[in-house]
Amino acid sequence: MITRLISCALVIAFGLATPLRAEEKTKPVRMGCGVMTFDTVPGWGLGPEGKSVIGPCHGGVVVDKAGDIYTSSHAGVFVFSPDGKVVREFLGDKYSDIHDLKIREEAGGEFIYAARNNNAEGIEFNAQTGEIVLRLPFPESSGLKLTKFNPTAITVAPNGDIFLADGYASDHIFKFDKAGKYLMHFGTKGNGLKEFNTAHGMTLDTRYDPPRLLICDRNHEPKGRLLHYDLDGRFLQEVVTGLGMPTSAAVQGDYVSVPDLHGRLVILDKSNTIMAVLGFNPDPAKRANYNVPQDQWIEGVFSGTHGSSWDRDGNLYVQDWNVSGRIMKLLRVK
């Protein structure tokens, strides 16, 4: 165990500290350690000429039951096959600027729930057809008088209740029933234990029974923490602190992947112990930096890690917040 921990520490601290030579940029890079070891898939998701197809991105990633990967950009939602080819698109004003995605199987198929920060709404749409079946604007019935509404995260309870985090404005989290009726809200802006300073990301934490909300409090001091709330909006606990700028969370089994805008992805186990740190960027000038063009990307090094999702084989798909549009596949090493 001690040997494994030392090995992991060396990989995290030194494994990606040296920039790759030109001839190495098309070779897979191994990262992580132990059960959370991954190889990058160079060129995954790029077009025939090796250019990004999604364009500027500030969004999320989900995977459907068939294994197709959905990622959002300013232009809309692109759907990739596991080998990185675009199989369908939902583009235009109805799907633009989706900041966070979740996917859920329901009667009638699989549906994507999305938080649109610039458009001040949450939406639900059919994952196959793109038909929008529900809109969640600011709930006037809450009685709140907000000057701004910028939802950054969305998730869904087992009974269909929907949670929408106003992470770029009030830091309230709004709860709706499955038909979109406003039920309640909780949380407020601040740096107190039960306050949020940018409730940026949120997911249903199914590592526990009953499930609970896992909330990424991105700018809270000390910077970067995860919180648990129950599904009635009651504070449970501060889960972990010091994660930099955690942007979102994705759960598979006993593990959760947490992108950090500072250019790394942290994987925690059920005890919320760090199992691996992936893609750490050793260059401070390129951490949390949106303006890293494609010709400056380094294989296996992230710059503004924003969204992630697992597939059924435990592979990870990661999106950077990036001017050129970066989506990456990390192949789990068995």
C-alpha atoms as a PDB file:
ATOM      1  CA  MET A   1       0.000   0.000   0.000  1.00  0.00           C
ATOM      2  CA  ILE A   2       2.810   2.423   0.913  1.00  0.00           C
ATOM      3  CA  THR A   3       4.591   1.625  -2.351  1.00  0.00           C
ATOM      4  CA  ARG A   4       1.390   2.249  -4.318  1.00  0.00           C
ATOM      5  CA  LEU A   5       0.824   5.616  -2.624  1.00  0.00           C
ATOM      6  CA  ILE A   6       4.405   6.693  -3.304  1.00  0.00           C
ATOM      7  CA  SER A   7       4.033   5.623  -6.934  1.00  0.00           C
ATOM      8  CA  CYS A   8       0.791   7.575  -7.257  1.00  0.00           C
ATOM      9  CA  ALA A   9       2.378  10.639  -5.707  1.00  0.00           C
ATOM     10  CA  LEU A  10       5.258  10.500  -8.176  1.00  0.00           C
ATOM     11  CA  VAL A  11       2.891  10.175 -11.136  1.00  0.00           C
ATOM     12  CA  ILE A  12       0.803  13.109  -9.910  1.00  0.00           C
ATOM     13  CA  ALA A  13       3.763  15.325  -9.135  1.00  0.00           C
ATOM     14  CA  PHE A  14       6.141  14.530 -11.974  1.00  0.00           C
ATOM     15  CA  GLY A  15       4.449  12.388 -14.611  1.00  0.00           C
ATOM     16  CA  LEU A  16       3.365  15.281 -16.857  1.00  0.00           C
ATOM     17  CA  ALA A  17       5.783  17.995 -15.796  1.00  0.00           C
ATOM     18  CA  THR A  18       7.856  17.793 -19.006  1.00  0.00           C
ATOM     19  CA  PRO A  19       6.225  19.099 -22.228  1.00  0.00           C
ATOM     20  CA  LEU A  20       5.963  16.513 -24.979  1.00  0.00           C
ATOM     21  CA  ARG A  21       8.213  16.655 -28.032  1.00  0.00           C
ATOM     22  CA  ALA A  22       6.485  17.162 -31.401  1.00  0.00           C
ATOM     23  CA  GLU A  23       6.783  13.491 -32.364  1.00  0.00           C
ATOM     24  CA  GLU A  24       5.133  12.450 -29.080  1.00  0.00           C
ATOM     25  CA  LYS A  25       1.965  14.537 -29.514  1.00  0.00           C
ATOM     26  CA  THR A  26       0.195  11.742 -31.384  1.00  0.00           C
ATOM     27  CA  LYS A  27       1.181   9.037 -28.895  1.00  0.00           C
ATOM     28  CA  PRO A  28      -1.051   8.036 -25.959  1.00  0.00           C
ATOM     29  CA  VAL A  29      -0.045   9.413 -22.584  1.00  0.00           C
ATOM     30  CA  ARG A  30      -0.569   7.314 -19.471  1.00  0.00           C
ATOM     31  CA  MET A  31      -1.886   9.062 -16.365  1.00  0.00           C
ATOM     32  CA  GLY A  32      -3.289   8.233 -12.950  1.00  0.00           C
ATOM     33  CA  CYS A  33      -2.351   5.170 -10.933  1.00  0.00           C
ATOM     34  CA  GLY A  34      -3.674   1.899  -9.538  1.00  0.00           C
ATOM     35  CA  VAL A  35      -7.290   1.163 -10.468  1.00  0.00           C
ATOM     36  CA  MET A  36      -7.571   4.701 -11.842  1.00  0.00           C
ATOM     37  CA  THR A  37      -4.948   4.471 -14.590  1.00  0.00           C
ATOM     38  CA  PHE A  38      -5.845   5.816 -18.033  1.00  0.00           C
ATOM     39  CA  ASP A  39      -4.325   6.261 -21.490  1.00  0.00           C
ATOM     40  CA  THR A  40      -5.243   9.261 -23.618  1.00  0.00           C
ATOM     41  CA  VAL A  41      -6.655   8.663 -27.118  1.00  0.00           C
ATOM     42  CA  PRO A  42      -4.834  11.167 -29.339  1.00  0.00           C
ATOM     43  CA  GLY A  43      -7.048  12.890 -31.908  1.00  0.00           C
ATOM     44  CA  TRP A  44     -10.300  11.582 -30.430  1.00  0.00           C
ATOM     45  CA  GLY A  45     -13.254  13.777 -31.444  1.00  0.00           C
ATOM     46  CA  LEU A  46     -11.340  15.773 -34.037  1.00  0.00           C
ATOM     47  CA  GLY A  47     -12.504  16.189 -37.627  1.00  0.00           C
ATOM     48  CA  PRO A  48     -10.929  14.687 -40.770  1.00  0.00           C
ATOM     49  CA  GLU A  49      -8.319  17.454 -40.963  1.00  0.00           C
ATOM     50  CA  GLY A  50      -7.422  17.129 -37.307  1.00  0.00           C
ATOM     51  CA  LYS A  51      -9.327  20.237 -36.244  1.00  0.00           C
ATOM     52  CA  SER A  52     -11.831  20.528 -33.407  1.00  0.00           C
ATOM     53  CA  VAL A  53     -15.418  20.238 -34.612  1.00  0.00           C
ATOM     54  CA  ILE A  54     -17.280  21.554 -31.560  1.00  0.00           C
ATOM     55  CA  GLY A  55     -15.915  25.100 -31.470  1.00  0.00           C
ATOM     56  CA  PRO A  56     -15.565  27.253 -28.332  1.00  0.00           C
ATOM     57  CA  CYS A  57     -16.829  25.313 -25.327  1.00  0.00           C
ATOM     58  CA  HIS A  58     -17.933  25.981 -21.775  1.00  0.00           C
ATOM     59  CA  GLY A  59     -20.084  22.955 -21.145  1.00  0.00           C
ATOM     60  CA  GLY A  60     -20.567  19.411 -19.984  1.00  0.00           C
ATOM     61  CA  VAL A  61     -20.446  15.761 -21.041  1.00  0.00           C
ATOM     62  CA  VAL A  62     -22.854  12.817 -20.674  1.00  0.00           C
ATOM     63  CA  VAL A  63     -22.938   9.272 -22.073  1.00  0.00           C
ATOM     64  CA  ASP A  64     -26.118   7.425 -23.092  1.00  0.00           C
ATOM     65  CA  LYS A  65     -26.855   3.725 -22.599  1.00  0.00           C
ATOM     66  CA  ALA A  66     -25.684   2.929 -26.155  1.00  0.00           C
ATOM     67  CA  GLY A  67     -22.307   4.483 -25.383  1.00  0.00           C
ATOM     68  CA  ASP A  68     -22.686   7.670 -27.438  1.00  0.00           C
ATOM     69  CA  ILE A  69     -21.105  10.781 -25.927  1.00  0.00           C
ATOM     70  CA  TYR A  70     -22.874  14.165 -25.783  1.00  0.00           C
ATOM     71  CA  THR A  71     -20.905  17.352 -25.229  1.00  0.00           C
ATOM     72  CA  SER A  72     -22.108  20.944 -25.286  1.00  0.00           C
ATOM     73  CA  SER A  73     -20.439  24.015 -26.766  1.00  0.00           C
ATOM     74  CA  HIS A  74     -21.497  27.554 -27.570  1.00  0.00           C
ATOM     75  CA  ALA A  75     -22.931  26.237 -30.851  1.00  0.00           C
ATOM     76  CA  GLY A  76     -25.058  23.480 -29.335  1.00  0.00           C
ATOM     77  CA  VAL A  77     -24.737  19.774 -28.553  1.00  0.00           C
ATOM     78  CA  PHE A  78     -22.540  17.347 -30.502  1.00  0.00           C
ATOM     79  CA  VAL A  79     -23.017  13.585 -30.187  1.00  0.00           C
ATOM     80  CA  PHE A  80     -19.995  11.336 -30.753  1.00  0.00           C
ATOM     81  CA  SER A  81     -19.701   7.594 -31.210  1.00  0.00           C
ATOM     82  CA  PRO A  82     -17.205   5.856 -28.886  1.00  0.00           C
ATOM     83  CA  ASP A  83     -14.588   6.047 -31.655  1.00  0.00           C
ATOM     84  CA  GLY A  84     -14.893   9.836 -31.804  1.00  0.00           C
ATOM     85  CA  LYS A  85     -17.065  10.408 -34.893  1.00  0.00           C
ATOM     86  CA  VAL A  86     -19.969  12.866 -34.837  1.00  0.00           C
ATOM     87  CA  VAL A  87     -23.220  10.913 -35.256  1.00  0.00           C
ATOM     88  CA  ARG A  88     -25.740  13.746 -34.725  1.00  0.00           C
ATOM     89  CA  GLU A  89     -25.957  17.377 -33.664  1.00  0.00           C
ATOM     90  CA  PHE A  90     -28.442  19.652 -31.942  1.00  0.00           C
ATOM     91  CA  LEU A  91     -27.352  23.126 -32.970  1.00  0.00           C
ATOM     92  CA  GLY A  92     -28.786  26.616 -32.956  1.00  0.00           C
ATOM     93  CA  ASP A  93     -30.420  28.995 -30.507  1.00  0.00           C
ATOM     94  CA  LYS A  94     -32.496  26.303 -28.770  1.00  0.00           C
ATOM     95  CA  TYR A  95     -29.392  24.379 -27.672  1.00  0.00           C
ATOM     96  CA  SER A  96     -26.673  27.035 -27.501  1.00  0.00           C
ATOM     97  CA  ASP A  97     -24.612  27.811 -24.392  1.00  0.00           C
ATOM     98  CA  ILE A  98     -25.550  24.721 -22.398  1.00  0.00           C
ATOM     99  CA  HIS A  99     -23.317  24.841 -19.330  1.00  0.00           C
ATOM    100  CA  ASP A 100     -24.201  21.490 -17.743  1.00  0.00           C
ATOM    101  CA  LEU A 101     -25.819  18.246 -18.900  1.00  0.00           C
ATOM    102  CA  LYS A 102     -27.365  15.218 -17.223  1.00  0.00           C
ATOM    103  CA  ILE A 103     -29.004  12.221 -18.924  1.00  0.00           C
ATOM    104  CA  ARG A 104     -31.829  10.055 -17.610  1.00  0.00           C
ATOM    105  CA  GLU A 105     -33.850   7.121 -18.899  1.00  0.00           C
ATOM    106  CA  GLU A 106     -37.586   7.740 -18.655  1.00  0.00           C
ATOM    107  CA  ALA A 107     -40.791   6.565 -20.276  1.00  0.00           C
ATOM    108  CA  GLY A 108     -40.335   7.307 -23.962  1.00  0.00           C
ATOM    109  CA  GLY A 109     -36.555   7.030 -24.038  1.00  0.00           C
ATOM    110  CA  GLU A 110     -33.525   8.874 -22.756  1.00  0.00           C
ATOM    111  CA  PHE A 111     -33.751  12.572 -21.969  1.00  0.00           C
ATOM    112  CA  ILE A 112     -31.115  15.210 -21.412  1.00  0.00           C
ATOM    113  CA  TYR A 113     -31.496  17.871 -18.731  1.00  0.00           C
ATOM    114  CA  ALA A 114     -29.487  21.010 -19.384  1.00  0.00           C
ATOM    115  CA  ALA A 115     -28.649  24.258 -17.578  1.00  0.00           C
ATOM    116  CA  ARG A 116     -28.347  27.230 -19.947  1.00  0.00           C
ATOM    117  CA  ASN A 117     -26.604  29.990 -18.041  1.00  0.00           C
ATOM    118  CA  ASN A 118     -26.708  32.709 -20.703  1.00  0.00           C
ATOM    119  CA  ASN A 119     -30.315  31.886 -21.568  1.00  0.00           C
ATOM    120  CA  ALA A 120     -31.518  31.890 -17.951  1.00  0.00           C
ATOM    121  CA  GLU A 121     -33.267  28.516 -18.041  1.00  0.00           C
ATOM    122  CA  GLY A 122     -33.111  24.799 -17.607  1.00  0.00           C
ATOM    123  CA  ILE A 123     -34.447  22.534 -20.355  1.00  0.00           C
ATOM    124  CA  GLU A 124     -35.217  18.868 -20.929  1.00  0.00           C
ATOM    125  CA  PHE A 125     -34.993  17.358 -24.403  1.00  0.00           C
ATOM    126  CA  ASN A 126     -35.147  13.961 -26.069  1.00  0.00           C
ATOM    127  CA  ALA A 127     -31.617  12.604 -26.521  1.00  0.00           C
ATOM    128  CA  GLN A 128     -32.425  11.059 -29.909  1.00  0.00           C
ATOM    129  CA  THR A 129     -34.648  13.666 -31.539  1.00  0.00           C
ATOM    130  CA  GLY A 130     -33.721  16.867 -29.726  1.00  0.00           C
ATOM    131  CA  GLU A 131     -37.373  17.664 -29.014  1.00  0.00           C
ATOM    132  CA  ILE A 132     -37.567  20.029 -26.033  1.00  0.00           C
ATOM    133  CA  VAL A 133     -40.238  18.736 -23.654  1.00  0.00           C
ATOM    134  CA  LEU A 134     -39.741  21.010 -20.628  1.00  0.00           C
ATOM    135  CA  ARG A 135     -38.453  24.506 -19.902  1.00  0.00           C
ATOM    136  CA  LEU A 136     -37.508  25.809 -16.463  1.00  0.00           C
ATOM    137  CA  PRO A 137     -37.269  29.609 -16.435  1.00  0.00           C
ATOM    138  CA  PHE A 138     -36.806  31.602 -13.252  1.00  0.00           C
ATOM    139  CA  PRO A 139     -39.716  30.599 -10.972  1.00  0.00           C
ATOM    140  CA  GLU A 140     -41.682  33.776 -10.269  1.00  0.00           C
ATOM    141  CA  SER A 141     -43.734  31.821  -7.741  1.00  0.00           C
ATOM    142  CA  SER A 142     -40.650  31.635  -5.490  1.00  0.00           C
ATOM    143  CA  GLY A 143     -41.362  35.224  -4.442  1.00  0.00           C
ATOM    144  CA  LEU A 144     -37.707  36.161  -4.968  1.00  0.00           C
ATOM    145  CA  LYS A 145     -36.781  39.396  -6.693  1.00  0.00           C
ATOM    146  CA  LEU A 146     -33.600  38.625  -8.604  1.00  0.00           C
ATOM    147  CA  THR A 147     -31.910  40.970 -11.030  1.00  0.00           C
ATOM    148  CA  LYS A 148     -30.064  38.099 -12.694  1.00  0.00           C
ATOM    149  CA  PHE A 149     -30.656  34.371 -13.221  1.00  0.00           C
ATOM    150  CA  ASN A 150     -27.742  32.312 -14.590  1.00  0.00           C
ATOM    151  CA  PRO A 151     -28.168  28.554 -14.016  1.00  0.00           C
ATOM    152  CA  THR A 152     -24.917  26.588 -14.098  1.00  0.00           C
ATOM    153  CA  ALA A 153     -25.906  23.061 -13.000  1.00  0.00           C
ATOM    154  CA  ILE A 154     -28.836  20.683 -13.091  1.00  0.00           C
ATOM    155  CA  THR A 155     -29.588  17.227 -11.726  1.00  0.00           C
ATOM    156  CA  VAL A 156     -32.580  14.954 -11.183  1.00  0.00           C
ATOM    157  CA  ALA A 157     -33.728  12.984  -8.121  1.00  0.00           C
ATOM    158  CA  PRO A 158     -34.889   9.363  -8.419  1.00  0.00           C
ATOM    159  CA  ASN A 159     -38.547  10.495  -8.241  1.00  0.00           C
ATOM    160  CA  GLY A 160     -38.044  12.995 -11.080  1.00  0.00           C
ATOM    161  CA  ASP A 161     -37.693  16.165  -9.010  1.00  0.00           C
ATOM    162  CA  ILE A 162     -35.311  18.593 -10.724  1.00  0.00           C
ATOM    163  CA  PHE A 163     -32.642  20.743  -9.069  1.00  0.00           C
ATOM    164  CA  LEU A 164     -31.301  23.828 -10.865  1.00  0.00           C
ATOM    165  CA  ALA A 165     -28.366  25.783  -9.391  1.00  0.00           C
ATOM    166  CA  ASP A 166     -28.183  29.533 -10.031  1.00  0.00           C
ATOM    167  CA  GLY A 167     -24.421  29.394  -9.681  1.00  0.00           C
ATOM    168  CA  TYR A 168     -23.489  32.535 -11.625  1.00  0.00           C
ATOM    169  CA  ALA A 169     -25.962  34.785  -9.816  1.00  0.00           C
ATOM    170  CA  SER A 170     -27.864  34.265  -6.547  1.00  0.00           C
ATOM    171  CA  ASP A 171     -26.328  30.892  -5.596  1.00  0.00           C
ATOM    172  CA  HIS A 172     -29.823  29.646  -4.748  1.00  0.00           C
ATOM    173  CA  ILE A 173     -30.641  26.066  -5.737  1.00  0.00           C
ATOM    174  CA  PHE A 174     -34.202  25.708  -7.007  1.00  0.00           C
ATOM    175  CA  LYS A 175     -36.215  22.508  -6.741  1.00  0.00           C
ATOM    176  CA  PHE A 176     -39.023  21.669  -9.192  1.00  0.00           C
ATOM    177  CA  ASP A 177     -41.227  18.624  -9.581  1.00  0.00           C
ATOM    178  CA  LYS A 178     -40.948  16.516 -12.738  1.00  0.00           C
ATOM    179  CA  ALA A 179     -43.576  18.652 -14.479  1.00  0.00           C
ATOM    180  CA  GLY A 180     -41.601  21.837 -13.774  1.00  0.00           C
ATOM    181  CA  LYS A 181     -43.659  23.155 -10.850  1.00  0.00           C
ATOM    182  CA  TYR A 182     -41.577  25.193  -8.402  1.00  0.00           C
ATOM    183  CA  LEU A 183     -41.330  23.480  -4.999  1.00  0.00           C
ATOM    184  CA  MET A 184     -38.688  25.313  -2.966  1.00  0.00           C
ATOM    185  CA  HIS A 185     -35.218  26.810  -2.962  1.00  0.00           C
ATOM    186  CA  PHE A 186     -32.283  26.742  -0.586  1.00  0.00           C
ATOM    187  CA  GLY A 187     -28.787  28.150  -0.229  1.00  0.00           C
ATOM    188  CA  THR A 188     -27.475  31.672  -0.371  1.00  0.00           C
ATOM    189  CA  LYS A 189     -24.306  33.477  -1.401  1.00  0.00           C
ATOM    190  CA  GLY A 190     -21.410  33.732   1.046  1.00  0.00           C
ATOM    191  CA  ASN A 191     -18.384  31.981   2.524  1.00  0.00           C
ATOM    192  CA  GLY A 192     -20.095  30.494   5.564  1.00  0.00           C
ATOM    193  CA  LEU A 193     -20.351  26.756   6.139  1.00  0.00           C
ATOM    194  CA  LYS A 194     -23.884  26.575   4.723  1.00  0.00           C
ATOM    195  CA  GLU A 195     -23.401  29.245   2.057  1.00  0.00           C
ATOM    196  CA  PHE A 196     -22.236  28.975  -1.553  1.00  0.00           C
ATOM    197  CA  ASN A 197     -19.663  31.079  -3.352  1.00  0.00           C
ATOM    198  CA  THR A 198     -20.475  29.941  -6.889  1.00  0.00           C
ATOM    199  CA  ALA A 199     -22.557  26.766  -6.728  1.00  0.00           C
ATOM    200  CA  HIS A 200     -21.075  25.842 -10.081  1.00  0.00           C
ATOM    201  CA  GLY A 201     -21.655  22.098 -10.381  1.00  0.00           C
ATOM    202  CA  MET A 202     -24.089  19.554  -8.970  1.00  0.00           C
ATOM    203  CA  THR A 203     -24.965  15.894  -9.371  1.00  0.00           C
ATOM    204  CA  LEU A 204     -26.982  13.161  -7.692  1.00  0.00           C
ATOM    205  CA  ASP A 205     -24.505  11.293  -5.504  1.00  0.00           C
ATOM    206  CA  THR A 206     -25.581   7.665  -5.869  1.00  0.00           C
ATOM    207  CA  ARG A 207     -22.566   6.393  -3.931  1.00  0.00           C
ATOM    208  CA  TYR A 208     -24.802   6.581  -0.859  1.00  0.00           C
ATOM    209  CA  ASP A 209     -28.236   5.294   0.113  1.00  0.00           C
ATOM    210  CA  PRO A 210     -30.376   7.314   0.041  1.00  0.00           C
ATOM    211  CA  PRO A 211     -28.813   9.399  -2.740  1.00  0.00           C
ATOM    212  CA  ARG A 212     -27.975  13.012  -1.964  1.00  0.00           C
ATOM    213  CA  LEU A 213     -26.874  16.145  -3.774  1.00  0.00           C
ATOM    214  CA  LEU A 214     -23.141  16.625  -4.332  1.00  0.00           C
ATOM    215  CA  ILE A 215     -22.526  20.334  -4.935  1.00  0.00           C
ATOM    216  CA  CYS A 216     -19.316  21.908  -6.275  1.00  0.00           C
ATOM    217  CA  ASP A 217     -18.825  25.187  -4.391  1.00  0.00           C
ATOM    218  CA  ARG A 218     -16.208  26.503  -6.769  1.00  0.00           C
ATOM    219  CA  ASN A 219     -14.962  29.768  -5.248  1.00  0.00           C
ATOM    220  CA  HIS A 220     -15.541  29.099  -1.565  1.00  0.00           C
ATOM    221  CA  GLU A 221     -12.643  29.808   0.793  1.00  0.00           C
ATOM    222  CA  PRO A 222     -10.553  27.756   1.381  1.00  0.00           C
ATOM    223  CA  LYS A 223     -10.886  27.461  -2.359  1.00  0.00           C
ATOM    224  CA  GLY A 224     -12.710  24.581  -3.815  1.00  0.00           C
ATOM    225  CA  ARG A 225     -14.995  22.333  -1.833  1.00  0.00           C
ATOM    226  CA  LEU A 226     -17.697  19.705  -2.274  1.00  0.00           C
ATOM    227  CA  LEU A 227     -20.840  19.631  -0.132  1.00  0.00           C
ATOM    228  CA  HIS A 228     -23.624  17.157   0.563  1.00  0.00           C
ATOM    229  CA  TYR A 229     -27.238  18.250   0.894  1.00  0.00           C
ATOM    230  CA  ASP A 230     -30.236  15.971   1.168  1.00  0.00           C
ATOM    231  CA  LEU A 231     -33.011  16.085  -1.411  1.00  0.00           C
ATOM    232  CA  ASP A 232     -35.089  18.377   0.807  1.00  0.00           C
ATOM    233  CA  GLY A 233     -32.374  21.027   0.777  1.00  0.00           C
ATOM    234  CA  ARG A 234     -30.917  20.300   4.211  1.00  0.00           C
ATOM    235  CA  PHE A 235     -27.172  20.669   4.734  1.00  0.00           C
ATOM    236  CA  LEU A 236     -25.487  17.350   5.534  1.00  0.00           C
ATOM    237  CA  GLN A 237     -21.742  17.909   5.494  1.00  0.00           C
ATOM    238  CA  GLU A 238     -18.717  19.507   3.938  1.00  0.00           C
ATOM    239  CA  VAL A 239     -17.226  16.626   1.977  1.00  0.00           C
ATOM    240  CA  VAL A 240     -13.759  17.842   0.981  1.00  0.00           C
ATOM    241  CA  THR A 241     -11.971  21.194   0.645  1.00  0.00           C
ATOM    242  CA  GLY A 242      -8.906  22.494  -1.189  1.00  0.00           C
ATOM    243  CA  LEU A 243      -9.880  21.206  -4.649  1.00  0.00           C
ATOM    244  CA  GLY A 244      -8.933  24.393  -6.506  1.00  0.00           C
ATOM    245  CA  MET A 245     -11.964  25.363  -8.603  1.00  0.00           C
ATOM    246  CA  PRO A 246     -14.198  22.256  -8.852  1.00  0.00           C
ATOM    247  CA  THR A 247     -16.543  22.765 -11.773  1.00  0.00           C
ATOM    248  CA  SER A 248     -18.699  19.624 -11.935  1.00  0.00           C
ATOM    249  CA  ALA A 249     -18.957  16.035 -10.728  1.00  0.00           C
ATOM    250  CA  ALA A 250     -19.820  12.698 -12.343  1.00  0.00           C
ATOM    251  CA  VAL A 251     -20.436   9.493 -10.389  1.00  0.00           C
ATOM    252  CA  GLN A 252     -19.894   5.895 -11.444  1.00  0.00           C
ATOM    253  CA  GLY A 253     -20.179   3.191  -8.811  1.00  0.00           C
ATOM    254  CA  ASP A 254     -18.094   4.199  -5.794  1.00  0.00           C
ATOM    255  CA  TYR A 255     -16.098   6.838  -7.671  1.00  0.00           C
ATOM    256  CA  VAL A 256     -16.644  10.466  -8.607  1.00  0.00           C
ATOM    257  CA  SER A 257     -14.661  12.497 -11.149  1.00  0.00           C
ATOM    258  CA  VAL A 258     -14.280  16.189 -10.339  1.00  0.00           C
ATOM    259  CA  PRO A 259     -12.805  18.521 -12.971  1.00  0.00           C
ATOM    260  CA  ASP A 260     -10.817  21.447 -11.559  1.00  0.00           C
ATOM    261  CA  LEU A 261     -10.672  24.575 -13.735  1.00  0.00           C
ATOM    262  CA  HIS A 262      -6.973  24.826 -12.858  1.00  0.00           C
ATOM    263  CA  GLY A 263      -6.212  22.087 -15.384  1.00  0.00           C
ATOM    264  CA  ARG A 264      -6.620  18.727 -13.695  1.00  0.00           C
ATOM    265  CA  LEU A 265      -9.267  16.118 -12.932  1.00  0.00           C
ATOM    266  CA  VAL A 266      -9.497  14.604  -9.443  1.00  0.00           C
ATOM    267  CA  ILE A 267     -11.020  11.156  -8.790  1.00  0.00           C
ATOM    268  CA  LEU A 268     -12.377  10.417  -5.304  1.00  0.00           C
ATOM    269  CA  ASP A 269     -13.566   7.107  -3.861  1.00  0.00           C
ATOM    270  CA  LYS A 270     -16.599   6.544  -1.629  1.00  0.00           C
ATOM    271  CA  SER A 271     -14.674   7.758   1.429  1.00  0.00           C
ATOM    272  CA  ASN A 272     -13.829  10.899  -0.603  1.00  0.00           C
ATOM    273  CA  THR A 273     -10.141  10.055  -0.578  1.00  0.00           C
ATOM    274  CA  ILE A 274      -8.231  11.181  -3.675  1.00  0.00           C
ATOM    275  CA  MET A 275      -7.463   8.120  -5.812  1.00  0.00           C
ATOM    276  CA  ALA A 276      -5.842   9.894  -8.764  1.00  0.00           C
ATOM    277  CA  VAL A 277      -5.163  13.303 -10.275  1.00  0.00           C
ATOM    278  CA  LEU A 278      -5.259  13.355 -14.085  1.00  0.00           C
ATOM    279  CA  GLY A 279      -3.917  15.817 -16.638  1.00  0.00           C
ATOM    280  CA  PHE A 280      -2.243  18.197 -14.189  1.00  0.00           C
ATOM    281  CA  ASN A 281      -0.979  21.309 -15.968  1.00  0.00           C
ATOM    282  CA  PRO A 282       2.500  22.351 -14.738  1.00  0.00           C
ATOM    283  CA  ASP A 283       2.300  25.766 -16.467  1.00  0.00           C
ATOM    284  CA  PRO A 284       0.563  28.351 -14.239  1.00  0.00           C
ATOM    285  CA  ALA A 285      -0.032  30.595 -17.270  1.00  0.00           C
ATOM    286  CA  LYS A 286      -2.143  27.914 -18.928  1.00  0.00           C
ATOM    287  CA  ARG A 287      -4.229  26.846 -15.938  1.00  0.00           C
ATOM    288  CA  ALA A 288      -7.818  28.122 -15.897  1.00  0.00           C
ATOM    289  CA  ASN A 289      -6.987  29.670 -19.254  1.00  0.00           C
ATOM    290  CA  TYR A 290      -9.753  29.692 -21.864  1.00  0.00           C
ATOM    291  CA  ASN A 291      -7.485  31.047 -24.615  1.00  0.00           C
ATOM    292  CA  VAL A 292      -5.197  28.064 -25.226  1.00  0.00           C
ATOM    293  CA  PRO A 293      -5.539  27.433 -29.001  1.00  0.00           C
ATOM    294  CA  GLN A 294      -5.489  23.949 -30.467  1.00  0.00           C
ATOM    295  CA  ASP A 295      -1.935  24.286 -31.750  1.00  0.00           C
ATOM    296  CA  GLN A 296      -0.804  24.727 -28.129  1.00  0.00           C
ATOM    297  CA  TRP A 297      -2.649  21.741 -26.682  1.00  0.00           C
ATOM    298  CA  ILE A 298      -0.370  19.162 -25.081  1.00  0.00           C
ATOM    299  CA  GLU A 299      -1.450  15.540 -25.097  1.00  0.00           C
ATOM    300  CA  GLY A 300      -2.341  14.471 -21.573  1.00  0.00           C
ATOM    301  CA  VAL A 301      -2.233  18.008 -20.133  1.00  0.00           C
ATOM    302  CA  PHE A 302      -5.463  19.897 -19.418  1.00  0.00           C
ATOM    303  CA  SER A 303      -5.952  23.667 -19.233  1.00  0.00           C
ATOM    304  CA  GLY A 304      -9.464  24.491 -18.016  1.00  0.00           C
ATOM    305  CA  THR A 305     -11.121  21.211 -17.065  1.00  0.00           C
ATOM    306  CA  HIS A 306     -14.890  21.800 -16.962  1.00  0.00           C
ATOM    307  CA  GLY A 307     -16.997  18.678 -17.634  1.00  0.00           C
ATOM    308  CA  SER A 308     -16.555  14.912 -17.426  1.00  0.00           C
ATOM    309  CA  SER A 309     -18.484  11.665 -17.704  1.00  0.00           C
ATOM    310  CA  TRP A 310     -17.867   7.926 -17.472  1.00  0.00           C
ATOM    311  CA  ASP A 311     -18.951   5.236 -19.905  1.00  0.00           C
ATOM    312  CA  ARG A 312     -20.000   1.736 -18.867  1.00  0.00           C
ATOM    313  CA  ASP A 313     -16.411   0.443 -19.234  1.00  0.00           C
ATOM    314  CA  GLY A 314     -15.032   3.071 -16.873  1.00  0.00           C
ATOM    315  CA  ASN A 315     -13.487   5.232 -19.591  1.00  0.00           C
ATOM    316  CA  LEU A 316     -13.638   8.985 -19.025  1.00  0.00           C
ATOM    317  CA  TYR A 317     -14.630  11.787 -21.383  1.00  0.00           C
ATOM    318  CA  VAL A 318     -13.352  15.220 -20.375  1.00  0.00           C
ATOM    319  CA  GLN A 319     -14.084  18.683 -21.738  1.00  0.00           C
ATOM    320  CA  ASP A 320     -11.842  21.697 -21.252  1.00  0.00           C
ATOM    321  CA  TRP A 321     -13.219  25.238 -21.076  1.00  0.00           C
ATOM    322  CA  ASN A 322     -11.485  26.232 -24.294  1.00  0.00           C
ATOM    323  CA  VAL A 323     -11.574  28.710 -27.167  1.00  0.00           C
ATOM    324  CA  SER A 324     -10.944  26.002 -29.785  1.00  0.00           C
ATOM    325  CA  GLY A 325     -13.246  23.337 -28.328  1.00  0.00           C
ATOM    326  CA  ARG A 326     -11.476  20.461 -26.581  1.00  0.00           C
ATOM    327  CA  ILE A 327     -13.089  17.108 -25.750  1.00  0.00           C
ATOM    328  CA  MET A 328     -10.866  14.154 -24.778  1.00  0.00           C
ATOM    329  CA  LYS A 329     -11.231  10.409 -24.219  1.00  0.00           C
ATOM    330  CA  LEU A 330      -9.272   8.694 -21.456  1.00  0.00           C
ATOM    331  CA  LEU A 331      -9.158   4.925 -21.900  1.00  0.00           C
ATOM    332  CA  ARG A 332      -9.229   2.994 -18.652  1.00  0.00           C
ATOM    333  CA  VAL A 333      -6.276   0.623 -18.277  1.00  0.00           C
ATOM    334  CA  LYS A 334      -7.501  -2.738 -17.012  1.00  0.00           C
END
